[in-house]
Amino acid sequence: MIIGFGSDPNACALRATLMAHAAMLGHTVIDFGSDDPIYAHTAINVAKAVVGEEVDRGVLLCGTGIGVSIAANKVPGAYCALVSDV
């Protein structure tokens, strides 16, 4: 499975940890980063990659999760939900 990861600057460490874990499990990991000061751009890029079938799944992280969820859901065909517990 190909998994795309993106985050805002608040979640860089968590993104790196999750990417390493996914790679350890044998998944291909694509890092969409967190360098853009407008976190919505990263969220939209990950959502577009999922809709465009460049990645099988996308994982977005931010301080609360609300901002990236809202931004990703602006992409037609993308469905993003805020998840905070297993």
N, C-alpha and C. Protein backbone atom coordinates (compact mmCIF):
# COMPACT_ATOMS: atom_id res chain seq x y z
N MET A 1 0.84 -1.17 0.00
CA MET A 1 0.00 0.00 0.00
C MET A 1 0.89 1.24 0.00
N ILE A 2 0.48 2.23 -0.74
CA ILE A 2 1.19 3.51 -0.78
C ILE A 2 0.42 4.50 0.11
N ILE A 3 1.10 5.06 1.09
CA ILE A 3 0.46 5.97 2.03
C ILE A 3 1.15 7.32 1.97
N GLY A 4 0.37 8.37 1.76
CA GLY A 4 0.89 9.74 1.76
C GLY A 4 0.67 10.39 3.12
N PHE A 5 1.69 11.04 3.62
CA PHE A 5 1.63 11.70 4.92
C PHE A 5 1.88 13.20 4.75
N GLY A 6 1.11 13.99 5.44
CA GLY A 6 1.31 15.43 5.47
C GLY A 6 0.91 15.98 6.82
N SER A 7 1.48 17.12 7.20
CA SER A 7 1.13 17.69 8.50
C SER A 7 1.37 19.19 8.50
N ASP A 8 0.90 19.81 9.56
CA ASP A 8 1.29 21.18 9.82
C ASP A 8 2.56 21.13 10.67
N PRO A 9 3.21 22.25 10.95
CA PRO A 9 4.46 22.22 11.71
C PRO A 9 4.31 21.65 13.13
N ASN A 10 3.10 21.67 13.69
CA ASN A 10 2.88 21.16 15.04
C ASN A 10 3.03 19.64 15.13
N ALA A 11 2.92 18.95 14.02
CA ALA A 11 2.89 17.49 14.05
C ALA A 11 4.05 16.84 13.30
N CYS A 12 5.14 17.58 13.09
CA CYS A 12 6.28 17.04 12.34
C CYS A 12 6.85 15.78 12.98
N ALA A 13 7.04 15.79 14.29
CA ALA A 13 7.63 14.63 14.97
C ALA A 13 6.71 13.43 14.88
N LEU A 14 5.42 13.63 15.08
CA LEU A 14 4.47 12.52 14.98
C LEU A 14 4.42 11.98 13.55
N ARG A 15 4.46 12.87 12.57
CA ARG A 15 4.45 12.44 11.17
C ARG A 15 5.66 11.55 10.88
N ALA A 16 6.83 11.96 11.33
CA ALA A 16 8.05 11.19 11.11
C ALA A 16 7.95 9.81 11.77
N THR A 17 7.41 9.77 12.97
CA THR A 17 7.25 8.50 13.69
C THR A 17 6.29 7.57 12.94
N LEU A 18 5.16 8.10 12.51
CA LEU A 18 4.17 7.28 11.81
C LEU A 18 4.69 6.81 10.45
N MET A 19 5.43 7.67 9.76
CA MET A 19 5.99 7.28 8.48
C MET A 19 7.00 6.14 8.66
N ALA A 20 7.83 6.23 9.67
CA ALA A 20 8.82 5.18 9.93
C ALA A 20 8.11 3.87 10.27
N HIS A 21 7.05 3.95 11.05
CA HIS A 21 6.31 2.74 11.42
C HIS A 21 5.64 2.11 10.20
N ALA A 22 5.02 2.94 9.37
CA ALA A 22 4.37 2.43 8.15
C ALA A 22 5.40 1.78 7.23
N ALA A 23 6.55 2.39 7.10
CA ALA A 23 7.61 1.82 6.26
C ALA A 23 8.11 0.49 6.83
N MET A 24 8.21 0.42 8.16
CA MET A 24 8.64 -0.81 8.81
C MET A 24 7.64 -1.94 8.55
N LEU A 25 6.37 -1.60 8.42
CA LEU A 25 5.33 -2.58 8.14
C LEU A 25 5.30 -2.99 6.66
N GLY A 26 6.14 -2.35 5.85
CA GLY A 26 6.25 -2.72 4.45
C GLY A 26 5.50 -1.84 3.48
N HIS A 27 4.92 -0.76 3.96
CA HIS A 27 4.19 0.15 3.10
C HIS A 27 5.16 1.13 2.42
N THR A 28 4.80 1.57 1.25
CA THR A 28 5.54 2.64 0.59
C THR A 28 5.02 3.96 1.15
N VAL A 29 5.93 4.83 1.53
CA VAL A 29 5.57 6.08 2.19
C VAL A 29 5.96 7.25 1.31
N ILE A 30 5.04 8.19 1.16
CA ILE A 30 5.33 9.44 0.45
C ILE A 30 5.12 10.59 1.44
N ASP A 31 6.14 11.41 1.59
CA ASP A 31 6.09 12.52 2.53
C ASP A 31 5.71 13.80 1.79
N PHE A 32 4.54 14.32 2.12
CA PHE A 32 4.08 15.58 1.54
C PHE A 32 4.56 16.76 2.37
N GLY A 33 5.22 16.48 3.48
CA GLY A 33 5.87 17.51 4.27
C GLY A 33 4.96 18.36 5.14
N SER A 34 5.58 19.44 5.61
CA SER A 34 4.87 20.40 6.46
C SER A 34 5.49 21.78 6.31
N ASP A 35 6.26 21.97 5.24
CA ASP A 35 7.00 23.22 5.09
C ASP A 35 6.14 24.42 4.70
N ASP A 36 5.00 24.17 4.06
CA ASP A 36 4.14 25.27 3.64
C ASP A 36 3.51 25.90 4.87
N PRO A 37 3.69 27.20 5.09
CA PRO A 37 3.10 27.83 6.28
C PRO A 37 1.57 27.82 6.27
N ILE A 38 1.00 27.58 5.11
CA ILE A 38 -0.45 27.45 5.03
C ILE A 38 -0.74 25.95 4.97
N TYR A 39 -1.04 25.37 6.15
CA TYR A 39 -1.20 23.92 6.26
C TYR A 39 -2.27 23.37 5.33
N ALA A 40 -3.22 24.21 4.95
CA ALA A 40 -4.29 23.75 4.06
C ALA A 40 -3.73 23.29 2.71
N HIS A 41 -2.65 23.90 2.25
CA HIS A 41 -2.05 23.48 0.97
C HIS A 41 -1.57 22.04 1.05
N THR A 42 -0.94 21.68 2.14
CA THR A 42 -0.46 20.31 2.32
C THR A 42 -1.64 19.35 2.37
N ALA A 43 -2.67 19.70 3.12
CA ALA A 43 -3.86 18.84 3.22
C ALA A 43 -4.51 18.64 1.86
N ILE A 44 -4.61 19.69 1.09
CA ILE A 44 -5.21 19.60 -0.25
C ILE A 44 -4.35 18.74 -1.15
N ASN A 45 -3.03 18.87 -1.06
CA ASN A 45 -2.14 18.06 -1.90
C ASN A 45 -2.27 16.57 -1.58
N VAL A 46 -2.38 16.23 -0.31
CA VAL A 46 -2.55 14.83 0.07
C VAL A 46 -3.91 14.33 -0.42
N ALA A 47 -4.95 15.11 -0.24
CA ALA A 47 -6.29 14.71 -0.69
C ALA A 47 -6.34 14.52 -2.20
N LYS A 48 -5.70 15.43 -2.94
CA LYS A 48 -5.66 15.28 -4.40
C LYS A 48 -4.90 14.02 -4.81
N ALA A 49 -3.86 13.67 -4.07
CA ALA A 49 -3.10 12.45 -4.38
C ALA A 49 -3.96 11.20 -4.16
N VAL A 50 -4.80 11.22 -3.14
CA VAL A 50 -5.70 10.09 -2.88
C VAL A 50 -6.75 10.00 -3.98
N VAL A 51 -7.37 11.11 -4.29
CA VAL A 51 -8.41 11.13 -5.33
C VAL A 51 -7.82 10.74 -6.68
N GLY A 52 -6.61 11.21 -6.97
CA GLY A 52 -5.95 10.91 -8.23
C GLY A 52 -5.28 9.54 -8.27
N GLU A 53 -5.45 8.79 -7.19
CA GLU A 53 -4.92 7.43 -7.07
C GLU A 53 -3.39 7.35 -7.16
N GLU A 54 -2.72 8.44 -6.78
CA GLU A 54 -1.26 8.42 -6.67
C GLU A 54 -0.85 7.70 -5.39
N VAL A 55 -1.72 7.76 -4.38
CA VAL A 55 -1.52 7.04 -3.12
C VAL A 55 -2.82 6.30 -2.81
N ASP A 56 -2.69 5.22 -2.03
CA ASP A 56 -3.88 4.45 -1.65
C ASP A 56 -4.61 5.08 -0.48
N ARG A 57 -3.87 5.67 0.43
CA ARG A 57 -4.43 6.32 1.61
C ARG A 57 -3.62 7.56 1.92
N GLY A 58 -4.27 8.50 2.61
CA GLY A 58 -3.57 9.69 3.07
C GLY A 58 -3.74 9.86 4.56
N VAL A 59 -2.69 10.29 5.22
CA VAL A 59 -2.72 10.56 6.65
C VAL A 59 -2.32 12.02 6.84
N LEU A 60 -3.20 12.78 7.49
CA LEU A 60 -2.95 14.19 7.75
C LEU A 60 -2.91 14.43 9.25
N LEU A 61 -1.97 15.23 9.68
CA LEU A 61 -1.81 15.51 11.11
C LEU A 61 -1.67 17.00 11.33
N CYS A 62 -2.30 17.50 12.38
CA CYS A 62 -2.09 18.88 12.79
C CYS A 62 -2.38 18.99 14.27
N GLY A 63 -2.24 20.18 14.80
CA GLY A 63 -2.42 20.37 16.24
C GLY A 63 -3.75 19.83 16.75
N THR A 64 -4.83 20.11 16.05
CA THR A 64 -6.14 19.62 16.48
C THR A 64 -6.73 18.61 15.49
N GLY A 65 -6.30 18.65 14.25
CA GLY A 65 -6.85 17.77 13.23
C GLY A 65 -8.03 18.38 12.49
N ILE A 66 -8.59 19.43 13.04
CA ILE A 66 -9.77 20.04 12.44
C ILE A 66 -9.43 20.78 11.15
N GLY A 67 -8.37 21.57 11.18
CA GLY A 67 -8.01 22.37 10.01
C GLY A 67 -7.70 21.53 8.79
N VAL A 68 -6.88 20.48 8.97
CA VAL A 68 -6.53 19.65 7.81
C VAL A 68 -7.74 18.86 7.31
N SER A 69 -8.62 18.46 8.23
CA SER A 69 -9.83 17.74 7.82
C SER A 69 -10.71 18.61 6.94
N ILE A 70 -10.92 19.84 7.37
CA ILE A 70 -11.75 20.76 6.61
C ILE A 70 -11.13 21.03 5.25
N ALA A 71 -9.83 21.28 5.22
CA ALA A 71 -9.14 21.58 3.95
C ALA A 71 -9.21 20.38 3.00
N ALA A 72 -8.93 19.19 3.50
CA ALA A 72 -8.94 18.00 2.63
C ALA A 72 -10.34 17.74 2.07
N ASN A 73 -11.36 18.00 2.85
CA ASN A 73 -12.73 17.77 2.38
C ASN A 73 -13.18 18.76 1.32
N LYS A 74 -12.40 19.78 1.07
CA LYS A 74 -12.70 20.73 -0.02
C LYS A 74 -12.39 20.12 -1.39
N VAL A 75 -11.61 19.04 -1.42
CA VAL A 75 -11.22 18.39 -2.68
C VAL A 75 -12.36 17.46 -3.10
N PRO A 76 -12.95 17.68 -4.28
CA PRO A 76 -14.03 16.80 -4.73
C PRO A 76 -13.58 15.34 -4.80
N GLY A 77 -14.35 14.47 -4.15
CA GLY A 77 -14.03 13.06 -4.14
C GLY A 77 -13.22 12.62 -2.93
N ALA A 78 -12.74 13.57 -2.14
CA ALA A 78 -11.98 13.23 -0.94
C ALA A 78 -12.91 13.21 0.27
N TYR A 79 -12.67 12.27 1.14
CA TYR A 79 -13.47 12.15 2.37
C TYR A 79 -12.51 11.99 3.53
N CYS A 80 -12.41 13.03 4.34
CA CYS A 80 -11.47 13.07 5.45
C CYS A 80 -12.25 13.17 6.75
N ALA A 81 -11.84 12.37 7.74
CA ALA A 81 -12.47 12.42 9.05
C ALA A 81 -11.42 12.61 10.12
N LEU A 82 -11.77 13.33 11.15
CA LEU A 82 -10.89 13.53 12.28
C LEU A 82 -10.98 12.31 13.18
N VAL A 83 -9.85 11.66 13.40
CA VAL A 83 -9.80 10.48 14.26
C VAL A 83 -8.78 10.75 15.36
N SER A 84 -9.19 10.55 16.60
CA SER A 84 -8.28 10.83 17.72
C SER A 84 -8.07 9.62 18.61
N ASP A 85 -8.68 8.50 18.28
CA ASP A 85 -8.56 7.30 19.09
C ASP A 85 -8.78 6.08 18.20
N VAL A 86 -8.21 4.95 18.58
CA VAL A 86 -8.39 3.74 17.79
C VAL A 86 -9.83 3.29 17.84
